[in-house]
N, C-alpha and C. Protein backbone atom coordinates (compact mmCIF):
# COMPACT_ATOMS: atom_id res chain seq x y z
N MET A 1 65.46 -83.30 -139.62
CA MET A 1 65.48 -81.83 -139.61
C MET A 1 64.46 -81.31 -138.60
N GLU A 2 64.93 -80.39 -137.74
CA GLU A 2 64.04 -79.85 -136.70
C GLU A 2 63.21 -78.69 -137.25
N LYS A 3 62.02 -78.52 -136.70
CA LYS A 3 61.18 -77.38 -137.05
C LYS A 3 60.31 -77.01 -135.85
N LEU A 4 59.71 -75.81 -135.91
CA LEU A 4 58.86 -75.32 -134.83
C LEU A 4 57.41 -75.48 -135.24
N MET A 5 56.61 -75.99 -134.31
CA MET A 5 55.18 -76.18 -134.56
C MET A 5 54.37 -75.60 -133.40
N LYS A 6 53.22 -75.04 -133.73
CA LYS A 6 52.31 -74.58 -132.69
C LYS A 6 51.71 -75.80 -131.98
N PRO A 7 51.37 -75.65 -130.69
CA PRO A 7 50.79 -76.78 -129.96
C PRO A 7 49.55 -77.36 -130.64
N ALA A 8 48.70 -76.50 -131.19
CA ALA A 8 47.48 -76.98 -131.84
C ALA A 8 47.81 -77.78 -133.09
N GLU A 9 48.83 -77.29 -133.86
CA GLU A 9 49.22 -78.00 -135.06
C GLU A 9 49.82 -79.38 -134.72
N TYR A 10 50.65 -79.38 -133.66
CA TYR A 10 51.28 -80.64 -133.26
C TYR A 10 50.23 -81.65 -132.79
N ALA A 11 49.26 -81.16 -132.01
CA ALA A 11 48.20 -82.04 -131.52
C ALA A 11 47.41 -82.64 -132.68
N GLN A 12 47.08 -81.79 -133.69
CA GLN A 12 46.31 -82.27 -134.84
C GLN A 12 47.14 -83.23 -135.69
N GLU A 13 48.46 -82.97 -135.74
CA GLU A 13 49.33 -83.77 -136.57
C GLU A 13 49.45 -85.20 -136.07
N ILE A 14 49.59 -85.35 -134.73
CA ILE A 14 49.79 -86.71 -134.21
C ILE A 14 48.50 -87.30 -133.63
N GLY A 15 47.41 -86.53 -133.61
CA GLY A 15 46.12 -87.07 -133.24
C GLY A 15 45.85 -87.14 -131.74
N ILE A 16 46.33 -86.12 -130.97
CA ILE A 16 46.02 -86.04 -129.54
C ILE A 16 45.45 -84.65 -129.24
N SER A 17 44.97 -84.47 -128.03
CA SER A 17 44.38 -83.18 -127.66
C SER A 17 45.46 -82.16 -127.32
N ARG A 18 45.09 -80.87 -127.38
CA ARG A 18 46.03 -79.81 -127.01
C ARG A 18 46.40 -79.88 -125.53
N GLN A 19 45.41 -80.30 -124.68
CA GLN A 19 45.71 -80.44 -123.25
C GLN A 19 46.81 -81.47 -123.02
N ALA A 20 46.77 -82.54 -123.80
CA ALA A 20 47.79 -83.57 -123.67
C ALA A 20 49.16 -83.03 -124.10
N VAL A 21 49.16 -82.17 -125.13
CA VAL A 21 50.43 -81.57 -125.59
C VAL A 21 51.03 -80.69 -124.51
N TYR A 22 50.19 -79.83 -123.90
CA TYR A 22 50.69 -78.95 -122.84
C TYR A 22 51.17 -79.76 -121.64
N ALA A 23 50.46 -80.84 -121.34
CA ALA A 23 50.87 -81.68 -120.22
C ALA A 23 52.23 -82.32 -120.49
N LYS A 24 52.46 -82.74 -121.74
CA LYS A 24 53.75 -83.32 -122.09
C LYS A 24 54.87 -82.28 -121.99
N ILE A 25 54.57 -81.05 -122.37
CA ILE A 25 55.57 -79.98 -122.23
C ILE A 25 55.91 -79.76 -120.76
N LYS A 26 54.87 -79.75 -119.92
CA LYS A 26 55.08 -79.53 -118.49
C LYS A 26 55.91 -80.63 -117.86
N ARG A 27 55.69 -81.86 -118.31
CA ARG A 27 56.39 -83.01 -117.73
C ARG A 27 57.74 -83.28 -118.41
N GLY A 28 58.11 -82.44 -119.37
CA GLY A 28 59.42 -82.57 -120.01
C GLY A 28 59.49 -83.58 -121.11
N ILE A 29 58.35 -84.12 -121.54
CA ILE A 29 58.36 -85.11 -122.62
C ILE A 29 58.60 -84.43 -123.96
N LEU A 30 58.04 -83.22 -124.11
CA LEU A 30 58.25 -82.43 -125.33
C LEU A 30 59.10 -81.21 -125.03
N THR A 31 59.87 -80.77 -126.03
CA THR A 31 60.72 -79.58 -125.90
C THR A 31 59.99 -78.38 -126.50
N ALA A 32 59.87 -77.30 -125.74
CA ALA A 32 59.15 -76.11 -126.20
C ALA A 32 60.09 -74.91 -126.18
N LYS A 33 59.78 -73.94 -127.05
CA LYS A 33 60.60 -72.73 -127.15
C LYS A 33 59.67 -71.52 -127.28
N ASN A 34 60.04 -70.43 -126.62
CA ASN A 34 59.25 -69.20 -126.67
C ASN A 34 59.86 -68.27 -127.70
N VAL A 35 59.11 -67.98 -128.77
CA VAL A 35 59.60 -67.12 -129.85
C VAL A 35 58.66 -65.92 -129.98
N GLU A 36 59.20 -64.73 -129.65
CA GLU A 36 58.44 -63.48 -129.74
C GLU A 36 57.13 -63.57 -128.96
N GLY A 37 57.20 -64.14 -127.78
CA GLY A 37 56.04 -64.22 -126.90
C GLY A 37 55.08 -65.35 -127.22
N LYS A 38 55.39 -66.20 -128.19
CA LYS A 38 54.52 -67.33 -128.54
C LYS A 38 55.26 -68.64 -128.31
N LEU A 39 54.48 -69.65 -127.89
CA LEU A 39 55.06 -70.95 -127.56
C LEU A 39 55.06 -71.86 -128.79
N TYR A 40 56.22 -72.46 -129.05
CA TYR A 40 56.35 -73.40 -130.16
C TYR A 40 57.00 -74.68 -129.65
N ILE A 41 56.70 -75.79 -130.31
CA ILE A 41 57.27 -77.09 -129.97
C ILE A 41 58.38 -77.41 -130.96
N VAL A 42 59.55 -77.78 -130.43
CA VAL A 42 60.68 -78.15 -131.28
C VAL A 42 60.56 -79.65 -131.59
N VAL A 43 60.36 -79.97 -132.86
CA VAL A 43 60.16 -81.37 -133.25
C VAL A 43 61.04 -81.71 -134.44
N ASP A 44 61.26 -83.01 -134.62
CA ASP A 44 61.97 -83.54 -135.79
C ASP A 44 60.93 -83.80 -136.88
N ASN A 45 61.07 -83.15 -137.98
CA ASN A 45 60.07 -83.24 -139.05
C ASN A 45 59.84 -84.67 -139.50
N ASP A 46 60.94 -85.45 -139.60
CA ASP A 46 60.82 -86.83 -140.06
C ASP A 46 60.04 -87.67 -139.05
N SER A 47 60.33 -87.46 -137.74
CA SER A 47 59.65 -88.26 -136.72
C SER A 47 58.17 -87.94 -136.65
N VAL A 48 57.82 -86.64 -136.88
CA VAL A 48 56.41 -86.26 -136.87
C VAL A 48 55.68 -86.92 -138.01
N GLN A 49 56.31 -86.93 -139.19
CA GLN A 49 55.66 -87.55 -140.35
C GLN A 49 55.47 -89.04 -140.13
N GLU A 50 56.52 -89.70 -139.54
CA GLU A 50 56.40 -91.13 -139.29
C GLU A 50 55.31 -91.42 -138.28
N THR A 51 55.25 -90.59 -137.22
CA THR A 51 54.21 -90.78 -136.19
C THR A 51 52.83 -90.58 -136.77
N SER A 52 52.67 -89.51 -137.58
CA SER A 52 51.37 -89.23 -138.19
C SER A 52 50.96 -90.35 -139.13
N SER A 53 51.94 -90.81 -139.95
CA SER A 53 51.65 -91.89 -140.90
C SER A 53 51.26 -93.17 -140.17
N SER A 54 51.99 -93.42 -139.06
CA SER A 54 51.69 -94.62 -138.27
C SER A 54 50.30 -94.55 -137.69
N GLU A 55 49.93 -93.35 -137.20
CA GLU A 55 48.59 -93.18 -136.62
C GLU A 55 47.52 -93.43 -137.69
N LYS A 56 47.73 -92.88 -138.90
CA LYS A 56 46.72 -93.04 -139.96
C LYS A 56 46.61 -94.49 -140.40
N GLU A 57 47.79 -95.15 -140.56
CA GLU A 57 47.76 -96.54 -140.99
C GLU A 57 47.09 -97.43 -139.96
N THR A 58 47.36 -97.12 -138.68
CA THR A 58 46.77 -97.91 -137.61
C THR A 58 45.26 -97.75 -137.60
N THR A 59 44.80 -96.50 -137.81
CA THR A 59 43.36 -96.23 -137.83
C THR A 59 42.69 -96.96 -138.98
N ALA A 60 43.37 -96.93 -140.15
CA ALA A 60 42.81 -97.61 -141.32
C ALA A 60 42.76 -99.10 -141.10
N THR A 61 43.79 -99.65 -140.44
CA THR A 61 43.84 -101.08 -140.18
C THR A 61 42.71 -101.50 -139.25
N ILE A 62 42.49 -100.67 -138.21
CA ILE A 62 41.43 -100.98 -137.25
C ILE A 62 40.07 -100.96 -137.92
N LYS A 63 39.84 -99.95 -138.80
CA LYS A 63 38.56 -99.87 -139.50
C LYS A 63 38.38 -101.07 -140.43
N LYS A 64 39.47 -101.47 -141.10
CA LYS A 64 39.39 -102.59 -142.01
C LYS A 64 39.10 -103.88 -141.27
N ASP A 65 39.67 -104.05 -140.08
CA ASP A 65 39.50 -105.27 -139.32
C ASP A 65 38.10 -105.42 -138.76
N THR A 66 37.35 -104.31 -138.69
CA THR A 66 36.00 -104.40 -138.14
C THR A 66 35.01 -105.03 -139.11
N SER A 67 35.37 -105.13 -140.41
CA SER A 67 34.47 -105.73 -141.38
C SER A 67 34.44 -107.24 -141.21
N PRO A 68 33.32 -107.90 -141.51
CA PRO A 68 33.21 -109.36 -141.33
C PRO A 68 34.19 -110.12 -142.20
N LYS A 69 34.92 -111.05 -141.61
CA LYS A 69 35.82 -111.91 -142.37
C LYS A 69 36.02 -113.20 -141.61
N THR A 70 36.43 -114.19 -142.34
CA THR A 70 36.58 -115.52 -141.75
C THR A 70 37.88 -115.68 -141.02
N ASN A 71 38.95 -114.94 -141.47
CA ASN A 71 40.27 -115.07 -140.85
C ASN A 71 40.38 -114.05 -139.73
N THR A 72 40.41 -114.47 -138.48
CA THR A 72 40.47 -113.56 -137.33
C THR A 72 41.87 -113.24 -136.89
N SER A 73 42.86 -113.78 -137.55
CA SER A 73 44.25 -113.50 -137.16
C SER A 73 44.65 -112.11 -137.60
N ILE A 74 45.51 -111.44 -136.82
CA ILE A 74 45.96 -110.08 -137.11
C ILE A 74 47.37 -110.14 -137.63
N PRO A 75 47.67 -109.53 -138.78
CA PRO A 75 49.03 -109.54 -139.32
C PRO A 75 50.01 -108.96 -138.32
N ALA A 76 51.29 -109.37 -138.44
CA ALA A 76 52.33 -108.92 -137.49
C ALA A 76 52.50 -107.41 -137.54
N THR A 77 52.46 -106.82 -138.77
CA THR A 77 52.65 -105.36 -138.91
C THR A 77 51.51 -104.61 -138.26
N ASP A 78 50.25 -105.05 -138.53
CA ASP A 78 49.08 -104.40 -137.94
C ASP A 78 49.09 -104.53 -136.42
N ASN A 79 49.51 -105.69 -135.93
CA ASN A 79 49.56 -105.91 -134.48
C ASN A 79 50.55 -104.95 -133.82
N LYS A 80 51.67 -104.72 -134.49
CA LYS A 80 52.69 -103.80 -133.98
C LYS A 80 52.17 -102.37 -133.92
N ASP A 81 51.50 -101.96 -135.01
CA ASP A 81 50.94 -100.60 -135.06
C ASP A 81 49.85 -100.43 -134.00
N TYR A 82 49.05 -101.48 -133.80
CA TYR A 82 47.98 -101.42 -132.81
C TYR A 82 48.55 -101.24 -131.40
N LYS A 83 49.62 -101.99 -131.11
CA LYS A 83 50.27 -101.85 -129.80
C LYS A 83 50.87 -100.45 -129.63
N ALA A 84 51.44 -99.91 -130.71
CA ALA A 84 52.01 -98.56 -130.63
C ALA A 84 50.92 -97.53 -130.34
N LEU A 85 49.75 -97.72 -130.98
CA LEU A 85 48.64 -96.81 -130.74
C LEU A 85 48.15 -96.90 -129.30
N LEU A 86 48.04 -98.12 -128.79
CA LEU A 86 47.62 -98.30 -127.40
C LEU A 86 48.61 -97.67 -126.44
N LYS A 87 49.90 -97.82 -126.75
CA LYS A 87 50.93 -97.22 -125.90
C LYS A 87 50.82 -95.70 -125.89
N ALA A 88 50.56 -95.12 -127.07
CA ALA A 88 50.41 -93.66 -127.16
C ALA A 88 49.19 -93.19 -126.37
N LYS A 89 48.09 -93.95 -126.46
CA LYS A 89 46.88 -93.58 -125.73
C LYS A 89 47.09 -93.71 -124.22
N ASP A 90 47.79 -94.80 -123.82
CA ASP A 90 48.08 -94.98 -122.39
C ASP A 90 48.94 -93.84 -121.86
N GLU A 91 49.87 -93.40 -122.69
CA GLU A 91 50.74 -92.28 -122.27
C GLU A 91 49.93 -91.00 -122.13
N THR A 92 49.01 -90.79 -123.06
CA THR A 92 48.15 -89.60 -122.99
C THR A 92 47.28 -89.64 -121.74
N ILE A 93 46.72 -90.80 -121.44
CA ILE A 93 45.88 -90.95 -120.24
C ILE A 93 46.71 -90.70 -118.98
N SER A 94 47.94 -91.19 -118.97
CA SER A 94 48.82 -90.98 -117.81
C SER A 94 49.12 -89.50 -117.61
N VAL A 95 49.38 -88.81 -118.74
CA VAL A 95 49.65 -87.37 -118.67
C VAL A 95 48.44 -86.61 -118.15
N LEU A 96 47.25 -87.00 -118.64
CA LEU A 96 46.02 -86.34 -118.19
C LEU A 96 45.77 -86.58 -116.70
N LYS A 97 46.05 -87.78 -116.22
CA LYS A 97 45.90 -88.07 -114.80
C LYS A 97 46.82 -87.19 -113.96
N GLY A 98 48.07 -87.04 -114.46
CA GLY A 98 49.00 -86.17 -113.74
C GLY A 98 48.53 -84.73 -113.72
N THR A 99 47.95 -84.28 -114.84
CA THR A 99 47.41 -82.91 -114.90
C THR A 99 46.27 -82.72 -113.92
N VAL A 100 45.37 -83.70 -113.87
CA VAL A 100 44.24 -83.63 -112.92
C VAL A 100 44.74 -83.59 -111.48
N LYS A 101 45.78 -84.39 -111.20
CA LYS A 101 46.34 -84.42 -109.85
C LYS A 101 46.93 -83.07 -109.47
N ASP A 102 47.65 -82.45 -110.44
CA ASP A 102 48.22 -81.12 -110.19
C ASP A 102 47.14 -80.08 -109.97
N LEU A 103 46.04 -80.18 -110.74
CA LEU A 103 44.94 -79.23 -110.58
C LEU A 103 44.29 -79.37 -109.21
N LYS A 104 44.11 -80.62 -108.77
CA LYS A 104 43.52 -80.84 -107.44
C LYS A 104 44.40 -80.23 -106.36
N LYS A 105 45.72 -80.40 -106.50
CA LYS A 105 46.65 -79.84 -105.52
C LYS A 105 46.59 -78.33 -105.51
N SER A 106 46.51 -77.72 -106.72
CA SER A 106 46.42 -76.26 -106.81
C SER A 106 45.13 -75.76 -106.18
N ASN A 107 44.02 -76.46 -106.46
CA ASN A 107 42.73 -76.06 -105.87
C ASN A 107 42.76 -76.15 -104.36
N LYS A 108 43.43 -77.16 -103.82
CA LYS A 108 43.54 -77.31 -102.37
C LYS A 108 44.32 -76.16 -101.76
N GLN A 109 45.41 -75.75 -102.43
CA GLN A 109 46.20 -74.62 -101.95
C GLN A 109 45.40 -73.33 -101.99
N ILE A 110 44.62 -73.15 -103.07
CA ILE A 110 43.78 -71.95 -103.18
C ILE A 110 42.72 -71.92 -102.08
N SER A 111 42.11 -73.07 -101.81
CA SER A 111 41.09 -73.14 -100.75
C SER A 111 41.69 -72.81 -99.39
N THR A 112 42.89 -73.32 -99.12
CA THR A 112 43.56 -73.02 -97.85
C THR A 112 43.85 -71.52 -97.72
N THR A 113 44.31 -70.92 -98.81
CA THR A 113 44.60 -69.48 -98.80
C THR A 113 43.33 -68.67 -98.56
N LEU A 114 42.23 -69.07 -99.24
CA LEU A 114 40.96 -68.35 -99.07
C LEU A 114 40.46 -68.46 -97.63
N ARG A 115 40.57 -69.64 -97.02
CA ARG A 115 40.14 -69.79 -95.63
C ARG A 115 40.94 -68.90 -94.71
N GLY A 116 42.25 -68.79 -94.98
CA GLY A 116 43.09 -67.91 -94.16
C GLY A 116 42.67 -66.46 -94.29
N GLU A 117 42.37 -66.02 -95.53
CA GLU A 117 41.92 -64.65 -95.75
C GLU A 117 40.60 -64.38 -95.04
N ILE A 118 39.69 -65.35 -95.10
CA ILE A 118 38.38 -65.19 -94.44
C ILE A 118 38.56 -65.06 -92.93
N ASP A 119 39.46 -65.87 -92.34
CA ASP A 119 39.71 -65.79 -90.90
C ASP A 119 40.27 -64.42 -90.52
N LEU A 120 41.16 -63.88 -91.37
CA LEU A 120 41.72 -62.55 -91.10
C LEU A 120 40.63 -61.48 -91.15
N LEU A 121 39.72 -61.60 -92.12
CA LEU A 121 38.62 -60.63 -92.21
C LEU A 121 37.71 -60.71 -90.99
N LYS A 122 37.44 -61.93 -90.51
CA LYS A 122 36.61 -62.09 -89.32
C LYS A 122 37.27 -61.42 -88.10
N ASP A 123 38.58 -61.66 -87.92
CA ASP A 123 39.29 -61.07 -86.79
C ASP A 123 39.25 -59.55 -86.87
N ALA A 124 39.45 -59.00 -88.08
CA ALA A 124 39.41 -57.55 -88.26
C ALA A 124 38.03 -57.00 -87.94
N PHE A 125 36.98 -57.72 -88.35
CA PHE A 125 35.61 -57.27 -88.08
C PHE A 125 35.33 -57.23 -86.58
N TYR A 126 35.69 -58.30 -85.85
CA TYR A 126 35.47 -58.34 -84.41
C TYR A 126 36.24 -57.23 -83.69
N GLU A 127 37.46 -56.97 -84.15
CA GLU A 127 38.27 -55.91 -83.53
C GLU A 127 37.65 -54.54 -83.75
N MET A 128 37.17 -54.30 -84.97
CA MET A 128 36.53 -53.02 -85.28
C MET A 128 35.24 -52.85 -84.47
N ARG A 129 34.47 -53.93 -84.33
CA ARG A 129 33.23 -53.84 -83.57
C ARG A 129 33.51 -53.56 -82.10
N THR A 130 34.56 -54.20 -81.54
CA THR A 130 34.92 -53.95 -80.14
C THR A 130 35.32 -52.50 -79.93
N LEU A 131 36.12 -51.96 -80.86
CA LEU A 131 36.54 -50.56 -80.75
C LEU A 131 35.34 -49.62 -80.86
N TYR A 132 34.41 -49.95 -81.75
CA TYR A 132 33.23 -49.10 -81.92
C TYR A 132 32.37 -49.10 -80.66
N VAL A 133 32.16 -50.28 -80.06
CA VAL A 133 31.37 -50.36 -78.83
C VAL A 133 32.04 -49.58 -77.71
N HIS A 134 33.36 -49.68 -77.63
CA HIS A 134 34.09 -48.95 -76.58
C HIS A 134 33.95 -47.44 -76.78
N GLN A 135 34.09 -46.99 -78.02
CA GLN A 135 33.93 -45.55 -78.30
C GLN A 135 32.50 -45.09 -78.02
N LEU A 136 31.53 -45.92 -78.33
CA LEU A 136 30.14 -45.56 -78.08
C LEU A 136 29.87 -45.42 -76.58
N GLU A 137 30.43 -46.34 -75.79
CA GLU A 137 30.25 -46.26 -74.34
C GLU A 137 30.91 -45.01 -73.78
N GLN A 138 32.09 -44.67 -74.30
CA GLN A 138 32.76 -43.45 -73.85
C GLN A 138 31.94 -42.21 -74.19
N LYS A 139 31.35 -42.22 -75.39
CA LYS A 139 30.55 -41.08 -75.81
C LYS A 139 29.32 -40.92 -74.91
N LYS A 140 28.66 -42.05 -74.58
CA LYS A 140 27.49 -41.99 -73.70
C LYS A 140 27.87 -41.46 -72.31
N SER A 141 29.02 -41.93 -71.80
CA SER A 141 29.48 -41.48 -70.48
C SER A 141 29.76 -39.98 -70.50
N GLN A 142 30.39 -39.50 -71.60
CA GLN A 142 30.68 -38.08 -71.71
C GLN A 142 29.40 -37.25 -71.78
N GLU A 143 28.41 -37.76 -72.53
CA GLU A 143 27.14 -37.03 -72.62
C GLU A 143 26.43 -36.99 -71.26
N ALA A 144 26.51 -38.09 -70.50
CA ALA A 144 25.89 -38.12 -69.18
C ALA A 144 26.55 -37.10 -68.25
N ILE A 145 27.89 -37.00 -68.32
CA ILE A 145 28.61 -36.04 -67.48
C ILE A 145 28.22 -34.62 -67.86
N GLU A 146 28.09 -34.35 -69.15
CA GLU A 146 27.70 -33.02 -69.60
C GLU A 146 26.30 -32.67 -69.12
N VAL A 147 25.38 -33.64 -69.15
CA VAL A 147 24.01 -33.38 -68.69
C VAL A 147 24.00 -33.05 -67.20
N ILE A 148 24.78 -33.81 -66.41
CA ILE A 148 24.85 -33.54 -64.97
C ILE A 148 25.42 -32.16 -64.71
N SER A 149 26.45 -31.80 -65.46
CA SER A 149 27.06 -30.48 -65.30
C SER A 149 26.07 -29.38 -65.61
N GLU A 150 25.28 -29.59 -66.68
CA GLU A 150 24.28 -28.60 -67.05
C GLU A 150 23.22 -28.45 -65.95
N GLU A 151 22.80 -29.61 -65.37
CA GLU A 151 21.81 -29.55 -64.31
C GLU A 151 22.34 -28.81 -63.08
N GLU A 152 23.61 -29.07 -62.74
CA GLU A 152 24.21 -28.38 -61.60
C GLU A 152 24.29 -26.89 -61.84
N SER A 153 24.67 -26.52 -63.07
CA SER A 153 24.78 -25.09 -63.38
C SER A 153 23.41 -24.42 -63.33
N VAL A 154 22.38 -25.13 -63.76
CA VAL A 154 21.02 -24.57 -63.70
C VAL A 154 20.60 -24.34 -62.26
N ASP A 155 20.95 -25.33 -61.40
CA ASP A 155 20.61 -25.16 -59.99
C ASP A 155 21.29 -23.94 -59.39
N VAL A 156 22.52 -23.70 -59.75
CA VAL A 156 23.25 -22.54 -59.22
C VAL A 156 22.65 -21.26 -59.74
N GLU A 157 22.31 -21.26 -61.04
CA GLU A 157 21.73 -20.06 -61.62
C GLU A 157 20.35 -19.75 -61.03
N GLU A 158 19.62 -20.79 -60.63
CA GLU A 158 18.27 -20.56 -60.11
C GLU A 158 18.29 -20.03 -58.67
N ASP A 159 19.40 -20.15 -57.95
CA ASP A 159 19.48 -19.60 -56.60
C ASP A 159 19.36 -18.08 -56.65
N ARG A 160 18.43 -17.53 -55.87
CA ARG A 160 18.19 -16.07 -55.87
C ARG A 160 18.42 -15.53 -54.47
N TRP A 161 19.36 -14.61 -54.38
CA TRP A 161 19.75 -14.06 -53.07
C TRP A 161 19.13 -12.68 -52.89
N ILE A 162 18.50 -12.50 -51.72
CA ILE A 162 17.81 -11.24 -51.43
C ILE A 162 18.31 -10.66 -50.09
N GLY A 163 18.03 -9.38 -49.93
CA GLY A 163 18.42 -8.70 -48.69
C GLY A 163 17.40 -8.92 -47.57
N LEU A 164 17.70 -8.30 -46.42
CA LEU A 164 16.85 -8.50 -45.23
C LEU A 164 15.44 -7.95 -45.42
N LYS A 165 15.33 -6.77 -46.05
CA LYS A 165 14.01 -6.17 -46.25
C LYS A 165 13.14 -7.07 -47.13
N LYS A 166 13.69 -7.54 -48.23
CA LYS A 166 12.92 -8.41 -49.11
C LYS A 166 12.60 -9.74 -48.41
N PHE A 167 13.50 -10.17 -47.52
CA PHE A 167 13.26 -11.39 -46.77
C PHE A 167 12.01 -11.25 -45.89
N PHE A 168 11.95 -10.11 -45.14
CA PHE A 168 10.78 -9.87 -44.29
C PHE A 168 9.51 -9.73 -45.14
N LYS A 169 9.64 -9.09 -46.30
CA LYS A 169 8.48 -8.89 -47.16
C LYS A 169 7.99 -10.22 -47.72
N GLN A 170 8.93 -11.08 -48.08
CA GLN A 170 8.57 -12.39 -48.64
C GLN A 170 7.85 -13.24 -47.62
N HIS A 171 8.27 -13.14 -46.34
CA HIS A 171 7.65 -13.94 -45.29
C HIS A 171 6.57 -13.17 -44.50
N LYS A 172 6.26 -11.97 -45.01
CA LYS A 172 5.17 -11.15 -44.44
C LYS A 172 5.38 -10.89 -42.94
N ILE A 173 6.60 -10.47 -42.63
CA ILE A 173 6.91 -10.08 -41.22
C ILE A 173 6.97 -8.56 -41.18
N THR A 174 5.97 -7.94 -40.55
CA THR A 174 5.84 -6.48 -40.58
C THR A 174 6.12 -5.82 -39.23
N LYS A 175 5.96 -6.51 -38.16
CA LYS A 175 6.15 -5.90 -36.84
C LYS A 175 7.64 -5.79 -36.53
N GLU A 176 8.00 -4.63 -35.94
CA GLU A 176 9.42 -4.35 -35.68
C GLU A 176 10.01 -5.33 -34.65
N LYS A 177 9.23 -5.62 -33.58
CA LYS A 177 9.74 -6.53 -32.55
C LYS A 177 10.00 -7.93 -33.14
N GLU A 178 9.08 -8.35 -33.94
CA GLU A 178 9.23 -9.68 -34.56
C GLU A 178 10.41 -9.69 -35.54
N GLN A 179 10.58 -8.55 -36.28
CA GLN A 179 11.70 -8.44 -37.20
C GLN A 179 13.05 -8.51 -36.48
N ALA A 180 13.11 -7.80 -35.30
CA ALA A 180 14.35 -7.80 -34.52
C ALA A 180 14.66 -9.19 -33.99
N LYS A 181 13.63 -9.89 -33.57
CA LYS A 181 13.79 -11.25 -33.05
C LYS A 181 14.30 -12.20 -34.15
N ILE A 182 13.71 -12.10 -35.34
CA ILE A 182 14.09 -12.96 -36.45
C ILE A 182 15.50 -12.62 -36.93
N THR A 183 15.84 -11.31 -36.87
CA THR A 183 17.18 -10.88 -37.31
C THR A 183 18.26 -11.53 -36.45
N LYS A 184 18.03 -11.59 -35.11
CA LYS A 184 19.01 -12.22 -34.22
C LYS A 184 19.17 -13.71 -34.57
N ARG A 185 18.08 -14.36 -34.85
CA ARG A 185 18.15 -15.79 -35.19
C ARG A 185 18.91 -16.02 -36.52
N LEU A 186 18.66 -15.11 -37.47
CA LEU A 186 19.33 -15.24 -38.76
C LEU A 186 20.84 -15.04 -38.62
N LYS A 187 21.24 -14.05 -37.82
CA LYS A 187 22.67 -13.81 -37.61
C LYS A 187 23.33 -15.00 -36.91
N LYS A 188 22.62 -15.57 -35.94
CA LYS A 188 23.14 -16.74 -35.23
C LYS A 188 23.32 -17.93 -36.18
N ALA A 189 22.34 -18.11 -37.09
CA ALA A 189 22.44 -19.19 -38.07
C ALA A 189 23.60 -18.96 -39.02
N TYR A 190 23.84 -17.70 -39.41
CA TYR A 190 24.95 -17.37 -40.30
C TYR A 190 26.29 -17.69 -39.64
N ARG A 191 26.41 -17.33 -38.34
CA ARG A 191 27.66 -17.61 -37.62
C ARG A 191 27.87 -19.12 -37.45
N SER A 192 26.77 -19.87 -37.47
CA SER A 192 26.87 -21.33 -37.33
C SER A 192 27.21 -22.02 -38.66
N GLY A 193 27.30 -21.22 -39.73
CA GLY A 193 27.66 -21.79 -41.04
C GLY A 193 26.48 -22.22 -41.86
N ASP A 194 25.32 -21.67 -41.65
CA ASP A 194 24.13 -22.01 -42.42
C ASP A 194 24.34 -21.60 -43.89
N GLU A 195 24.23 -22.56 -44.82
CA GLU A 195 24.48 -22.29 -46.24
C GLU A 195 23.37 -21.47 -46.89
N ARG A 196 22.25 -21.30 -46.18
CA ARG A 196 21.16 -20.51 -46.74
C ARG A 196 21.43 -19.02 -46.61
N ILE A 197 22.45 -18.66 -45.81
CA ILE A 197 22.74 -17.26 -45.53
C ILE A 197 24.21 -17.00 -45.86
N MET A 198 24.48 -15.86 -46.51
CA MET A 198 25.87 -15.47 -46.78
C MET A 198 26.03 -13.98 -46.54
N GLY A 199 27.28 -13.60 -46.24
CA GLY A 199 27.58 -12.20 -45.97
C GLY A 199 28.19 -11.54 -47.17
N VAL A 200 27.64 -10.39 -47.57
CA VAL A 200 28.15 -9.62 -48.70
C VAL A 200 28.29 -8.17 -48.26
N GLU A 201 29.56 -7.70 -48.12
CA GLU A 201 29.85 -6.31 -47.72
C GLU A 201 29.14 -5.97 -46.41
N ASP A 202 29.38 -6.82 -45.41
CA ASP A 202 28.82 -6.63 -44.05
C ASP A 202 27.30 -6.67 -44.01
N LYS A 203 26.70 -7.22 -45.04
CA LYS A 203 25.25 -7.37 -45.06
C LYS A 203 24.91 -8.84 -45.31
N LEU A 204 23.79 -9.24 -44.74
CA LEU A 204 23.36 -10.62 -44.91
C LEU A 204 22.48 -10.76 -46.16
N LYS A 205 22.73 -11.88 -46.88
CA LYS A 205 21.92 -12.19 -48.04
C LYS A 205 21.31 -13.57 -47.80
N PHE A 206 20.08 -13.73 -48.27
CA PHE A 206 19.33 -14.95 -47.99
C PHE A 206 18.89 -15.60 -49.31
N ASN A 207 19.00 -16.92 -49.34
CA ASN A 207 18.57 -17.68 -50.52
C ASN A 207 17.05 -17.75 -50.53
N ALA A 208 16.45 -17.05 -51.49
CA ALA A 208 15.00 -16.95 -51.53
C ALA A 208 14.33 -18.28 -51.89
N ASN A 209 15.11 -19.23 -52.39
CA ASN A 209 14.54 -20.51 -52.80
C ASN A 209 14.53 -21.54 -51.66
N LYS A 210 15.08 -21.20 -50.53
CA LYS A 210 15.16 -22.11 -49.41
C LYS A 210 14.06 -21.83 -48.38
N SER A 211 13.82 -22.81 -47.53
CA SER A 211 12.80 -22.67 -46.47
C SER A 211 13.47 -22.25 -45.15
N TYR A 212 12.80 -21.40 -44.39
CA TYR A 212 13.33 -20.92 -43.10
C TYR A 212 12.34 -21.18 -41.97
N LYS A 213 11.58 -22.25 -42.08
CA LYS A 213 10.58 -22.55 -41.08
C LYS A 213 11.21 -22.76 -39.71
N ASP A 214 12.44 -23.34 -39.68
CA ASP A 214 13.07 -23.60 -38.39
C ASP A 214 13.46 -22.31 -37.66
N ILE A 215 13.66 -21.23 -38.44
CA ILE A 215 14.05 -19.95 -37.83
C ILE A 215 12.83 -19.10 -37.54
N LEU A 216 11.82 -19.19 -38.39
CA LEU A 216 10.64 -18.34 -38.26
C LEU A 216 9.63 -18.87 -37.29
N LYS A 217 9.78 -20.07 -36.75
CA LYS A 217 8.75 -20.65 -35.88
C LYS A 217 8.70 -19.94 -34.54
């Protein structure tokens, strides 16, 4: 007659660990069924009782044989049970070895995946740093251009243009003959394209910030 048993109950019943029970389920040695979200083992009630009884009798036989006695021979029945116990233990050890092998394989796959993720993070970090450095260089270049533009605008604003009378007053030229002489030189320089002099409404304007030593000498 079949019945459902929890893995822990089955392990306790036949005298093996729960890990060994799960390993047997994974390898197809035991039949398992999921009932309402819980895992149960489908077993034959008679076979479980026989296995449990065999395990207990074997254990009792082994304990009895350890006591001092003159006859060292092992009865045929006890020898059979002892071999069955050894076979069960060997099977459990084999299952555990397979479980350990599967765990090692899973750990190797996880390590490979983690290394791949770490490499992706490194690549992303280097790419972000390169973009940041490029943006920083662009920002510095833009700030430098703005500073140059401000300096040029300041230079233009500082240029002060004055008329002929203020020009003579600035250079302390008071005599009329000398003024007439300098005026001719200034007009000649203007016609030659001198940037220090410009014409505004038929009148000459002079950059007060410039030197005119070449004309006043």
